[in-house]
């Protein structure tokens, strides 16, 4: 029963992690393209909130449940699919940390532009490009991690 509960939490948190990230990225990217500063400010606030409410807890739950299941099953960390999953998860995390900082900066820049009735500064667009390109390897890494966990190649 403990294993199945851990597995359920692990799968559920993977769904929430991936879904929140993909959903936030889609809505932020599309809203930025439209250029409506009020919408941009609102979506940036929401993306930052979603990271704190959904992404952060799942980032913690994922390795805890995964490592607990490995321990219960007696699977070593150096098992290739486990090792590469952890490595890629770490890569996604290394990309995510600056993304969080960028999201907070873009939220604040958009809020200021909205309050002052000015266009977004060029720095916002620079941050948005960096944010987007950091998301690419993070999402690719997570897709591969999910494939490794499902298929467990030898």
N, C-alpha and C. Protein backbone atom coordinates (compact mmCIF):
# COMPACT_ATOMS: atom_id res chain seq x y z
N UNK A 1 0.81 -1.20 0.00
CA UNK A 1 0.00 0.00 0.00
C UNK A 1 0.86 1.27 0.00
N UNK A 2 1.99 1.24 0.72
CA UNK A 2 2.88 2.40 0.76
C UNK A 2 3.42 2.67 -0.64
N UNK A 3 3.87 1.62 -1.32
CA UNK A 3 4.42 1.78 -2.66
C UNK A 3 3.37 2.37 -3.61
N UNK A 4 2.16 1.84 -3.59
CA UNK A 4 1.12 2.35 -4.50
C UNK A 4 0.76 3.79 -4.19
N UNK A 5 0.77 4.17 -2.94
CA UNK A 5 0.50 5.56 -2.56
C UNK A 5 1.61 6.46 -3.09
N UNK A 6 2.87 6.03 -2.91
CA UNK A 6 4.00 6.80 -3.44
C UNK A 6 3.92 6.92 -4.96
N UNK A 7 3.58 5.81 -5.61
CA UNK A 7 3.48 5.81 -7.07
C UNK A 7 2.38 6.77 -7.53
N UNK A 8 1.24 6.74 -6.84
CA UNK A 8 0.13 7.64 -7.18
C UNK A 8 0.56 9.10 -7.01
N UNK A 9 1.21 9.41 -5.89
CA UNK A 9 1.69 10.78 -5.66
C UNK A 9 2.72 11.19 -6.70
N UNK A 10 3.59 10.26 -7.06
CA UNK A 10 4.64 10.53 -8.04
C UNK A 10 4.02 10.85 -9.41
N UNK A 11 3.09 10.03 -9.84
CA UNK A 11 2.44 10.24 -11.14
C UNK A 11 1.60 11.52 -11.12
N UNK A 12 0.83 11.71 -10.07
CA UNK A 12 0.00 12.91 -9.96
C UNK A 12 0.86 14.18 -9.97
N UNK A 13 1.95 14.16 -9.21
CA UNK A 13 2.80 15.35 -9.17
C UNK A 13 3.51 15.58 -10.50
N UNK A 14 3.84 14.51 -11.23
CA UNK A 14 4.43 14.66 -12.57
C UNK A 14 3.44 15.32 -13.52
N UNK A 15 2.19 14.92 -13.42
CA UNK A 15 1.15 15.51 -14.27
C UNK A 15 0.98 16.99 -13.94
N UNK A 16 0.93 17.30 -12.64
CA UNK A 16 0.75 18.70 -12.22
C UNK A 16 1.98 19.53 -12.63
N UNK A 17 3.16 18.98 -12.43
CA UNK A 17 4.40 19.69 -12.78
C UNK A 17 4.45 20.00 -14.27
N UNK A 18 4.25 18.99 -15.08
CA UNK A 18 4.33 19.17 -16.52
C UNK A 18 3.17 20.04 -17.03
N UNK A 19 1.98 19.77 -16.54
CA UNK A 19 0.81 20.53 -16.98
C UNK A 19 0.87 22.00 -16.61
N UNK A 20 1.30 22.28 -15.39
CA UNK A 20 1.41 23.68 -14.96
C UNK A 20 2.46 24.40 -15.80
N UNK A 21 3.60 23.74 -15.99
CA UNK A 21 4.67 24.36 -16.77
C UNK A 21 4.25 24.64 -18.20
N UNK A 22 3.65 23.65 -18.83
CA UNK A 22 3.23 23.81 -20.22
C UNK A 22 2.12 24.84 -20.34
N UNK A 23 1.14 24.78 -19.44
CA UNK A 23 0.04 25.74 -19.47
C UNK A 23 0.52 27.16 -19.23
N UNK A 24 1.36 27.35 -18.23
CA UNK A 24 1.89 28.68 -17.94
C UNK A 24 2.70 29.22 -19.12
N UNK A 25 3.53 28.37 -19.68
CA UNK A 25 4.35 28.80 -20.83
C UNK A 25 3.47 29.21 -22.01
N UNK A 26 2.45 28.40 -22.28
CA UNK A 26 1.56 28.70 -23.41
C UNK A 26 0.84 30.03 -23.21
N UNK A 27 0.21 30.20 -22.06
CA UNK A 27 -0.57 31.43 -21.84
C UNK A 27 0.32 32.65 -21.77
N UNK A 28 1.49 32.54 -21.15
CA UNK A 28 2.39 33.68 -21.08
C UNK A 28 2.92 34.05 -22.47
N UNK A 29 3.34 33.05 -23.22
CA UNK A 29 3.86 33.30 -24.57
C UNK A 29 2.79 33.95 -25.45
N UNK A 30 1.59 33.41 -25.44
CA UNK A 30 0.52 33.95 -26.28
C UNK A 30 0.09 35.36 -25.84
N UNK A 31 0.05 35.58 -24.55
CA UNK A 31 -0.34 36.91 -24.04
C UNK A 31 0.73 37.94 -24.36
N UNK A 32 2.00 37.56 -24.21
CA UNK A 32 3.09 38.48 -24.57
C UNK A 32 2.99 38.88 -26.04
N UNK A 33 2.64 37.94 -26.89
CA UNK A 33 2.55 38.23 -28.34
C UNK A 33 1.45 39.23 -28.65
N UNK A 34 0.36 39.20 -27.87
CA UNK A 34 -0.75 40.12 -28.12
C UNK A 34 -0.39 41.56 -27.77
N UNK A 35 0.44 41.73 -26.76
CA UNK A 35 0.93 43.06 -26.43
C UNK A 35 0.05 43.89 -25.50
N UNK A 36 -1.07 43.37 -25.03
CA UNK A 36 -1.93 44.12 -24.12
C UNK A 36 -1.30 44.10 -22.73
N UNK A 37 -0.85 45.26 -22.28
CA UNK A 37 -0.07 45.34 -21.05
C UNK A 37 -0.87 44.89 -19.82
N UNK A 38 -2.14 45.23 -19.76
CA UNK A 38 -2.96 44.80 -18.61
C UNK A 38 -3.03 43.27 -18.56
N UNK A 39 -3.22 42.65 -19.72
CA UNK A 39 -3.27 41.18 -19.76
C UNK A 39 -1.91 40.58 -19.43
N UNK A 40 -0.87 41.18 -19.96
CA UNK A 40 0.50 40.70 -19.70
C UNK A 40 0.80 40.76 -18.21
N UNK A 41 0.43 41.87 -17.57
CA UNK A 41 0.67 42.01 -16.13
C UNK A 41 -0.11 40.95 -15.35
N UNK A 42 -1.36 40.71 -15.73
CA UNK A 42 -2.18 39.73 -15.03
C UNK A 42 -1.65 38.31 -15.23
N UNK A 43 -1.28 37.96 -16.45
CA UNK A 43 -0.77 36.61 -16.72
C UNK A 43 0.56 36.38 -16.02
N UNK A 44 1.43 37.38 -16.01
CA UNK A 44 2.70 37.23 -15.30
C UNK A 44 2.49 37.02 -13.81
N UNK A 45 1.54 37.75 -13.21
CA UNK A 45 1.21 37.52 -11.79
C UNK A 45 0.74 36.09 -11.58
N UNK A 46 -0.12 35.62 -12.48
CA UNK A 46 -0.68 34.28 -12.37
C UNK A 46 0.38 33.21 -12.55
N UNK A 47 1.30 33.41 -13.48
CA UNK A 47 2.38 32.44 -13.71
C UNK A 47 3.26 32.32 -12.47
N UNK A 48 3.59 33.45 -11.84
CA UNK A 48 4.39 33.42 -10.62
C UNK A 48 3.62 32.69 -9.51
N UNK A 49 2.34 32.97 -9.39
CA UNK A 49 1.52 32.27 -8.38
C UNK A 49 1.47 30.77 -8.65
N UNK A 50 1.29 30.40 -9.90
CA UNK A 50 1.21 28.98 -10.26
C UNK A 50 2.52 28.27 -9.90
N UNK A 51 3.64 28.94 -10.10
CA UNK A 51 4.92 28.34 -9.74
C UNK A 51 5.00 28.07 -8.24
N UNK A 52 4.55 29.02 -7.43
CA UNK A 52 4.61 28.84 -5.98
C UNK A 52 3.60 27.80 -5.50
N UNK A 53 2.39 27.81 -6.08
CA UNK A 53 1.33 26.92 -5.61
C UNK A 53 1.45 25.49 -6.13
N UNK A 54 1.89 25.33 -7.37
CA UNK A 54 1.89 24.02 -8.01
C UNK A 54 3.28 23.49 -8.33
N UNK A 55 4.09 24.28 -9.01
CA UNK A 55 5.38 23.80 -9.47
C UNK A 55 6.33 23.51 -8.31
N UNK A 56 6.46 24.44 -7.38
CA UNK A 56 7.40 24.25 -6.28
C UNK A 56 7.09 23.00 -5.46
N UNK A 57 5.85 22.78 -5.03
CA UNK A 57 5.59 21.54 -4.27
C UNK A 57 5.87 20.28 -5.08
N UNK A 58 5.53 20.29 -6.36
CA UNK A 58 5.75 19.07 -7.16
C UNK A 58 7.24 18.83 -7.42
N UNK A 59 8.01 19.89 -7.50
CA UNK A 59 9.45 19.73 -7.67
C UNK A 59 10.06 19.04 -6.45
N UNK A 60 9.46 19.26 -5.30
CA UNK A 60 9.92 18.61 -4.07
C UNK A 60 9.37 17.18 -3.99
N UNK A 61 8.09 17.01 -4.32
CA UNK A 61 7.44 15.70 -4.22
C UNK A 61 8.06 14.68 -5.19
N UNK A 62 8.41 15.12 -6.39
CA UNK A 62 8.93 14.20 -7.39
C UNK A 62 10.14 13.40 -6.91
N UNK A 63 11.22 14.05 -6.50
CA UNK A 63 12.38 13.24 -6.09
C UNK A 63 12.12 12.46 -4.79
N UNK A 64 11.35 13.04 -3.88
CA UNK A 64 11.08 12.32 -2.62
C UNK A 64 10.33 11.02 -2.88
N UNK A 65 9.28 11.08 -3.68
CA UNK A 65 8.50 9.86 -3.95
C UNK A 65 9.30 8.90 -4.83
N UNK A 66 10.01 9.45 -5.81
CA UNK A 66 10.81 8.59 -6.68
C UNK A 66 11.89 7.85 -5.93
N UNK A 67 12.63 8.55 -5.09
CA UNK A 67 13.69 7.91 -4.31
C UNK A 67 13.11 6.91 -3.31
N UNK A 68 11.97 7.23 -2.74
CA UNK A 68 11.34 6.29 -1.80
C UNK A 68 10.93 5.01 -2.51
N UNK A 69 10.37 5.14 -3.72
CA UNK A 69 9.98 3.93 -4.47
C UNK A 69 11.20 3.11 -4.85
N UNK A 70 12.26 3.78 -5.28
CA UNK A 70 13.49 3.06 -5.62
C UNK A 70 14.00 2.29 -4.41
N UNK A 71 13.97 2.92 -3.25
CA UNK A 71 14.42 2.27 -2.02
C UNK A 71 13.56 1.05 -1.71
N UNK A 72 12.26 1.21 -1.79
CA UNK A 72 11.35 0.09 -1.49
C UNK A 72 11.56 -1.08 -2.45
N UNK A 73 11.87 -0.77 -3.71
CA UNK A 73 12.07 -1.82 -4.71
C UNK A 73 13.51 -2.32 -4.77
N UNK A 74 14.40 -1.65 -4.06
CA UNK A 74 15.80 -2.06 -4.07
C UNK A 74 16.50 -1.75 -5.39
N UNK A 75 16.08 -0.73 -6.08
CA UNK A 75 16.69 -0.35 -7.36
C UNK A 75 17.81 0.66 -7.08
N UNK A 76 19.04 0.36 -7.50
CA UNK A 76 20.16 1.28 -7.26
C UNK A 76 20.05 2.59 -8.08
N UNK A 77 20.60 3.66 -7.52
CA UNK A 77 20.60 4.96 -8.20
C UNK A 77 21.41 4.94 -9.49
N UNK A 78 22.36 4.02 -9.58
CA UNK A 78 23.19 3.94 -10.78
C UNK A 78 22.58 3.07 -11.88
N UNK A 79 21.37 2.58 -11.66
CA UNK A 79 20.65 1.90 -12.74
C UNK A 79 20.50 2.94 -13.86
N UNK A 80 20.89 2.59 -15.09
CA UNK A 80 20.94 3.62 -16.15
C UNK A 80 19.69 4.52 -16.27
N UNK A 81 18.50 3.93 -16.32
CA UNK A 81 17.32 4.79 -16.49
C UNK A 81 17.10 5.69 -15.29
N UNK A 82 17.47 5.24 -14.10
CA UNK A 82 17.35 6.07 -12.89
C UNK A 82 18.39 7.18 -12.94
N UNK A 83 19.63 6.81 -13.21
CA UNK A 83 20.73 7.77 -13.26
C UNK A 83 20.44 8.89 -14.26
N UNK A 84 20.03 8.53 -15.47
CA UNK A 84 19.75 9.54 -16.49
C UNK A 84 18.50 10.36 -16.17
N UNK A 85 17.53 9.73 -15.53
CA UNK A 85 16.34 10.49 -15.10
C UNK A 85 16.73 11.56 -14.09
N UNK A 86 17.56 11.18 -13.13
CA UNK A 86 17.99 12.15 -12.11
C UNK A 86 18.84 13.26 -12.72
N UNK A 87 19.71 12.88 -13.65
CA UNK A 87 20.55 13.86 -14.33
C UNK A 87 19.70 14.86 -15.11
N UNK A 88 18.75 14.35 -15.87
CA UNK A 88 17.88 15.23 -16.66
C UNK A 88 16.95 16.06 -15.77
N UNK A 89 16.49 15.49 -14.67
CA UNK A 89 15.66 16.24 -13.72
C UNK A 89 16.47 17.40 -13.15
N UNK A 90 17.75 17.13 -12.86
CA UNK A 90 18.64 18.19 -12.39
C UNK A 90 18.83 19.27 -13.43
N UNK A 91 18.98 18.88 -14.70
CA UNK A 91 19.09 19.85 -15.79
C UNK A 91 17.84 20.73 -15.85
N UNK A 92 16.67 20.12 -15.76
CA UNK A 92 15.43 20.89 -15.77
C UNK A 92 15.39 21.85 -14.59
N UNK A 93 15.85 21.40 -13.43
CA UNK A 93 15.89 22.27 -12.25
C UNK A 93 16.85 23.44 -12.42
N UNK A 94 18.00 23.17 -13.03
CA UNK A 94 18.97 24.24 -13.27
C UNK A 94 18.38 25.28 -14.22
N UNK A 95 17.57 24.85 -15.16
CA UNK A 95 16.89 25.81 -16.06
C UNK A 95 15.77 26.53 -15.33
N UNK A 96 15.08 25.83 -14.44
CA UNK A 96 13.90 26.40 -13.77
C UNK A 96 14.26 27.52 -12.81
N UNK A 97 15.38 27.40 -12.09
CA UNK A 97 15.73 28.42 -11.10
C UNK A 97 15.85 29.82 -11.71
N UNK A 98 16.60 30.01 -12.80
CA UNK A 98 16.61 31.35 -13.40
C UNK A 98 15.26 31.73 -14.00
N UNK A 99 14.49 30.76 -14.44
CA UNK A 99 13.16 31.05 -14.99
C UNK A 99 12.28 31.68 -13.91
N UNK A 100 12.36 31.18 -12.70
CA UNK A 100 11.58 31.75 -11.59
C UNK A 100 11.97 33.21 -11.38
N UNK A 101 13.27 33.47 -11.34
CA UNK A 101 13.75 34.84 -11.16
C UNK A 101 13.26 35.73 -12.31
N UNK A 102 13.38 35.23 -13.54
CA UNK A 102 12.93 36.00 -14.71
C UNK A 102 11.43 36.29 -14.64
N UNK A 103 10.65 35.31 -14.22
CA UNK A 103 9.19 35.49 -14.13
C UNK A 103 8.85 36.59 -13.13
N UNK A 104 9.56 36.61 -12.01
CA UNK A 104 9.32 37.65 -11.00
C UNK A 104 9.70 39.02 -11.56
N UNK A 105 10.83 39.09 -12.26
CA UNK A 105 11.25 40.35 -12.86
C UNK A 105 10.25 40.83 -13.91
N UNK A 106 9.79 39.91 -14.77
CA UNK A 106 8.82 40.28 -15.81
C UNK A 106 7.49 40.69 -15.19
N UNK A 107 7.08 40.01 -14.13
CA UNK A 107 5.86 40.40 -13.42
C UNK A 107 5.97 41.84 -12.94
N UNK A 108 7.10 42.17 -12.33
CA UNK A 108 7.29 43.52 -11.79
C UNK A 108 7.39 44.57 -12.89
N UNK A 109 8.10 44.24 -13.97
CA UNK A 109 8.21 45.19 -15.09
C UNK A 109 6.85 45.44 -15.74
N UNK A 110 6.06 44.39 -15.91
CA UNK A 110 4.73 44.54 -16.50
C UNK A 110 3.81 45.33 -15.58
N UNK A 111 3.90 45.09 -14.28
CA UNK A 111 3.09 45.82 -13.32
C UNK A 111 3.41 47.32 -13.36
N UNK A 112 4.71 47.62 -13.40
CA UNK A 112 5.14 49.02 -13.46
C UNK A 112 4.64 49.68 -14.75
N UNK A 113 4.79 49.00 -15.87
CA UNK A 113 4.32 49.55 -17.15
C UNK A 113 2.81 49.79 -17.11
N UNK A 114 2.09 48.87 -16.53
CA UNK A 114 0.64 49.02 -16.45
C UNK A 114 0.28 50.22 -15.56
N UNK A 115 0.92 50.33 -14.41
CA UNK A 115 0.63 51.42 -13.49
C UNK A 115 0.99 52.78 -14.07
N UNK A 116 2.09 52.85 -14.82
CA UNK A 116 2.57 54.12 -15.37
C UNK A 116 2.04 54.39 -16.77
N UNK A 117 1.23 53.47 -17.30
CA UNK A 117 0.67 53.60 -18.66
C UNK A 117 1.77 53.83 -19.69
N UNK A 118 2.81 52.99 -19.60
CA UNK A 118 3.93 53.06 -20.54
C UNK A 118 4.09 51.71 -21.22
N UNK A 119 4.79 51.67 -22.34
CA UNK A 119 5.05 50.37 -22.97
C UNK A 119 6.00 49.54 -22.11
N UNK A 120 6.02 48.26 -22.39
CA UNK A 120 6.97 47.39 -21.70
C UNK A 120 8.38 47.81 -22.10
N UNK A 121 9.31 47.82 -21.15
CA UNK A 121 10.68 48.19 -21.50
C UNK A 121 11.34 47.08 -22.31
N UNK A 122 12.37 47.41 -23.08
CA UNK A 122 13.09 46.39 -23.85
C UNK A 122 13.61 45.24 -22.96
N UNK A 123 13.95 45.55 -21.71
CA UNK A 123 14.44 44.52 -20.80
C UNK A 123 13.41 43.41 -20.61
N UNK A 124 12.12 43.77 -20.60
CA UNK A 124 11.07 42.75 -20.47
C UNK A 124 11.19 41.74 -21.61
N UNK A 125 11.34 42.23 -22.83
CA UNK A 125 11.40 41.35 -24.01
C UNK A 125 12.68 40.51 -24.01
N UNK A 126 13.77 41.09 -23.50
CA UNK A 126 15.01 40.31 -23.36
C UNK A 126 14.80 39.17 -22.38
N UNK A 127 14.19 39.49 -21.23
CA UNK A 127 13.90 38.46 -20.23
C UNK A 127 12.96 37.39 -20.80
N UNK A 128 11.97 37.83 -21.58
CA UNK A 128 11.01 36.87 -22.14
C UNK A 128 11.69 35.90 -23.10
N UNK A 129 12.64 36.40 -23.90
CA UNK A 129 13.37 35.51 -24.81
C UNK A 129 14.23 34.50 -24.04
N UNK A 130 14.93 34.97 -23.02
CA UNK A 130 15.75 34.08 -22.20
C UNK A 130 14.86 33.04 -21.52
N UNK A 131 13.73 33.51 -20.98
CA UNK A 131 12.76 32.63 -20.31
C UNK A 131 12.30 31.53 -21.26
N UNK A 132 11.95 31.91 -22.48
CA UNK A 132 11.49 30.94 -23.47
C UNK A 132 12.57 29.90 -23.76
N UNK A 133 13.80 30.36 -24.02
CA UNK A 133 14.86 29.44 -24.42
C UNK A 133 15.35 28.57 -23.26
N UNK A 134 15.19 29.03 -22.03
CA UNK A 134 15.48 28.15 -20.90
C UNK A 134 14.41 27.06 -20.76
N UNK A 135 13.21 27.37 -21.19
CA UNK A 135 12.12 26.39 -21.13
C UNK A 135 12.29 25.24 -22.09
N UNK A 136 12.94 25.47 -23.21
CA UNK A 136 13.09 24.43 -24.23
C UNK A 136 13.86 23.22 -23.69
N UNK A 137 15.08 23.39 -23.17
CA UNK A 137 15.78 22.20 -22.65
C UNK A 137 15.08 21.61 -21.41
N UNK A 138 14.44 22.46 -20.61
CA UNK A 138 13.75 21.96 -19.42
C UNK A 138 12.59 21.05 -19.82
N UNK A 139 11.79 21.46 -20.80
CA UNK A 139 10.67 20.63 -21.24
C UNK A 139 11.15 19.37 -21.94
N UNK A 140 12.18 19.50 -22.76
CA UNK A 140 12.72 18.31 -23.42
C UNK A 140 13.24 17.31 -22.38
N UNK A 141 13.93 17.82 -21.38
CA UNK A 141 14.45 16.94 -20.32
C UNK A 141 13.31 16.23 -19.61
N UNK A 142 12.23 16.95 -19.32
CA UNK A 142 11.11 16.33 -18.61
C UNK A 142 10.40 15.29 -19.48
N UNK A 143 10.31 15.53 -20.76
CA UNK A 143 9.71 14.54 -21.66
C UNK A 143 10.54 13.26 -21.66
N UNK A 144 11.86 13.42 -21.71
CA UNK A 144 12.74 12.25 -21.70
C UNK A 144 12.67 11.54 -20.35
N UNK A 145 12.60 12.30 -19.25
CA UNK A 145 12.49 11.69 -17.92
C UNK A 145 11.23 10.83 -17.85
N UNK A 146 10.13 11.36 -18.33
CA UNK A 146 8.87 10.59 -18.30
C UNK A 146 9.01 9.32 -19.14
N UNK A 147 9.63 9.44 -20.31
CA UNK A 147 9.84 8.25 -21.15
C UNK A 147 10.72 7.23 -20.43
N UNK A 148 11.78 7.69 -19.78
CA UNK A 148 12.67 6.77 -19.05
C UNK A 148 11.93 6.08 -17.92
N UNK A 149 11.08 6.81 -17.22
CA UNK A 149 10.33 6.20 -16.11
C UNK A 149 9.30 5.18 -16.62
N UNK A 150 8.70 5.46 -17.75
CA UNK A 150 7.68 4.53 -18.28
C UNK A 150 8.33 3.30 -18.89
N UNK A 151 9.34 3.49 -19.73
CA UNK A 151 9.92 2.38 -20.48
C UNK A 151 11.08 1.68 -19.77
N UNK A 152 11.74 2.36 -18.84
CA UNK A 152 12.85 1.81 -18.07
C UNK A 152 13.82 1.00 -18.95
N UNK A 153 14.41 1.65 -19.95
CA UNK A 153 15.30 0.89 -20.86
C UNK A 153 16.52 0.35 -20.12
N UNK A 154 17.02 -0.76 -20.59
CA UNK A 154 18.18 -1.39 -19.96
C UNK A 154 19.45 -0.90 -20.61
